[in-house]
Amino acid sequence: MSYVDAGYAVGLSVLAAYALGLVVRRRSLARRVEVRRAPSHDSDPRGDGASR
């Protein structure tokens, strides 16, 4: 294997690892956004807005 081929292999490996990291980060952030958008069932269990 020549140095040029090795350089391409290293470069492509680094780009693949970076892309995988972006995918993992995006999924993690998407989960956090879904948790924040979900209504809290503990604050108003009856759902009528009246306080106890």
N, C-alpha and C. Protein backbone atom coordinates (compact mmCIF):
# COMPACT_ATOMS: atom_id res chain seq x y z
N MET A 1 0.85 -1.17 0.00
CA MET A 1 0.00 0.00 0.00
C MET A 1 0.90 1.24 0.00
N SER A 2 0.60 2.17 -0.85
CA SER A 2 1.42 3.37 -0.92
C SER A 2 0.97 4.39 0.14
N TYR A 3 1.81 5.40 0.30
CA TYR A 3 1.48 6.45 1.29
C TYR A 3 0.23 7.22 0.87
N VAL A 4 0.01 7.36 -0.42
CA VAL A 4 -1.18 8.07 -0.90
C VAL A 4 -2.43 7.29 -0.52
N ASP A 5 -2.40 5.99 -0.75
CA ASP A 5 -3.54 5.16 -0.39
C ASP A 5 -3.79 5.18 1.12
N ALA A 6 -2.73 5.11 1.88
CA ALA A 6 -2.85 5.16 3.33
C ALA A 6 -3.44 6.50 3.78
N GLY A 7 -3.03 7.57 3.13
CA GLY A 7 -3.56 8.89 3.47
C GLY A 7 -5.06 8.97 3.19
N TYR A 8 -5.48 8.44 2.05
CA TYR A 8 -6.91 8.42 1.74
C TYR A 8 -7.67 7.57 2.75
N ALA A 9 -7.12 6.45 3.14
CA ALA A 9 -7.79 5.58 4.10
C ALA A 9 -7.95 6.28 5.45
N VAL A 10 -6.91 6.95 5.89
CA VAL A 10 -6.97 7.68 7.16
C VAL A 10 -7.98 8.83 7.07
N GLY A 11 -7.92 9.55 5.97
CA GLY A 11 -8.85 10.68 5.79
C GLY A 11 -10.30 10.23 5.77
N LEU A 12 -10.58 9.18 5.05
CA LEU A 12 -11.95 8.68 4.99
C LEU A 12 -12.40 8.11 6.34
N SER A 13 -11.49 7.51 7.06
CA SER A 13 -11.83 6.99 8.39
C SER A 13 -12.18 8.13 9.34
N VAL A 14 -11.41 9.20 9.28
CA VAL A 14 -11.68 10.36 10.14
C VAL A 14 -13.03 10.98 9.79
N LEU A 15 -13.32 11.12 8.50
CA LEU A 15 -14.61 11.68 8.09
C LEU A 15 -15.77 10.78 8.51
N ALA A 16 -15.60 9.48 8.41
CA ALA A 16 -16.66 8.55 8.82
C ALA A 16 -16.90 8.65 10.33
N ALA A 17 -15.83 8.75 11.11
CA ALA A 17 -15.98 8.88 12.56
C ALA A 17 -16.67 10.19 12.91
N TYR A 18 -16.34 11.27 12.21
CA TYR A 18 -16.97 12.57 12.45
C TYR A 18 -18.46 12.50 12.11
N ALA A 19 -18.80 11.87 10.99
CA ALA A 19 -20.20 11.74 10.60
C ALA A 19 -20.98 10.92 11.63
N LEU A 20 -20.38 9.86 12.12
CA LEU A 20 -21.04 9.03 13.13
C LEU A 20 -21.27 9.84 14.41
N GLY A 21 -20.31 10.65 14.79
CA GLY A 21 -20.47 11.51 15.96
C GLY A 21 -21.60 12.51 15.79
N LEU A 22 -21.74 13.06 14.58
CA LEU A 22 -22.83 13.99 14.32
C LEU A 22 -24.19 13.31 14.43
N VAL A 23 -24.29 12.09 13.92
CA VAL A 23 -25.55 11.35 13.99
C VAL A 23 -25.91 11.07 15.45
N VAL A 24 -24.94 10.65 16.22
CA VAL A 24 -25.20 10.35 17.64
C VAL A 24 -25.60 11.62 18.37
N ARG A 25 -24.94 12.72 18.11
CA ARG A 25 -25.27 13.99 18.77
C ARG A 25 -26.68 14.46 18.39
N ARG A 26 -27.04 14.31 17.12
CA ARG A 26 -28.37 14.74 16.68
C ARG A 26 -29.46 13.92 17.35
N ARG A 27 -29.26 12.59 17.46
CA ARG A 27 -30.25 11.76 18.13
C ARG A 27 -30.38 12.12 19.60
N SER A 28 -29.26 12.41 20.24
CA SER A 28 -29.29 12.79 21.65
C SER A 28 -30.05 14.09 21.85
N LEU A 29 -29.78 15.07 20.99
CA LEU A 29 -30.49 16.34 21.10
C LEU A 29 -31.97 16.19 20.79
N ALA A 30 -32.31 15.34 19.83
CA ALA A 30 -33.72 15.12 19.49
C ALA A 30 -34.46 14.51 20.68
N ARG A 31 -33.81 13.59 21.39
CA ARG A 31 -34.44 13.00 22.57
C ARG A 31 -34.66 14.05 23.65
N ARG A 32 -33.70 14.94 23.83
CA ARG A 32 -33.85 15.98 24.85
C ARG A 32 -34.98 16.92 24.52
N VAL A 33 -35.15 17.25 23.25
CA VAL A 33 -36.23 18.14 22.83
C VAL A 33 -37.57 17.46 23.05
N GLU A 34 -37.69 16.17 22.74
CA GLU A 34 -38.94 15.45 22.94
C GLU A 34 -39.31 15.41 24.41
N VAL A 35 -38.34 15.24 25.29
CA VAL A 35 -38.62 15.19 26.72
C VAL A 35 -39.12 16.55 27.20
N ARG A 36 -38.55 17.63 26.71
CA ARG A 36 -38.98 18.96 27.14
C ARG A 36 -40.36 19.30 26.61
N ARG A 37 -40.73 18.81 25.42
CA ARG A 37 -42.04 19.13 24.86
C ARG A 37 -43.15 18.31 25.50
N ALA A 38 -42.84 17.17 26.08
CA ALA A 38 -43.87 16.32 26.68
C ALA A 38 -44.48 17.04 27.88
N PRO A 39 -45.80 17.00 28.00
CA PRO A 39 -46.44 17.65 29.15
C PRO A 39 -46.11 16.92 30.44
N SER A 40 -46.01 17.69 31.50
CA SER A 40 -45.71 17.11 32.80
C SER A 40 -47.01 16.63 33.43
N HIS A 41 -47.10 15.36 33.75
CA HIS A 41 -48.32 14.80 34.35
C HIS A 41 -48.36 15.03 35.85
N ASP A 42 -47.23 15.35 36.45
CA ASP A 42 -47.19 15.53 37.90
C ASP A 42 -47.74 16.88 38.35
N SER A 43 -47.62 17.91 37.52
CA SER A 43 -47.99 19.25 37.96
C SER A 43 -49.50 19.44 38.01
N ASP A 44 -50.27 18.83 37.11
CA ASP A 44 -51.72 19.00 37.07
C ASP A 44 -52.36 17.67 36.69
N PRO A 45 -52.55 16.76 37.66
CA PRO A 45 -53.04 15.42 37.33
C PRO A 45 -54.47 15.40 36.78
N ARG A 46 -55.30 16.38 37.18
CA ARG A 46 -56.69 16.38 36.70
C ARG A 46 -56.83 16.99 35.31
N GLY A 47 -55.92 17.90 34.97
CA GLY A 47 -55.94 18.51 33.65
C GLY A 47 -56.92 19.66 33.50
N ASP A 48 -57.57 20.10 34.59
CA ASP A 48 -58.55 21.18 34.46
C ASP A 48 -57.97 22.55 34.82
N GLY A 49 -56.72 22.58 35.24
CA GLY A 49 -56.09 23.86 35.54
C GLY A 49 -56.35 24.38 36.94
N ALA A 50 -57.20 23.72 37.70
CA ALA A 50 -57.52 24.18 39.06
C ALA A 50 -56.43 23.74 40.01
N SER A 51 -56.07 24.61 40.95
CA SER A 51 -55.06 24.25 41.94
C SER A 51 -55.76 23.68 43.17
N ARG A 52 -55.04 22.88 43.92
CA ARG A 52 -55.64 22.24 45.10
C ARG A 52 -55.61 23.11 46.31
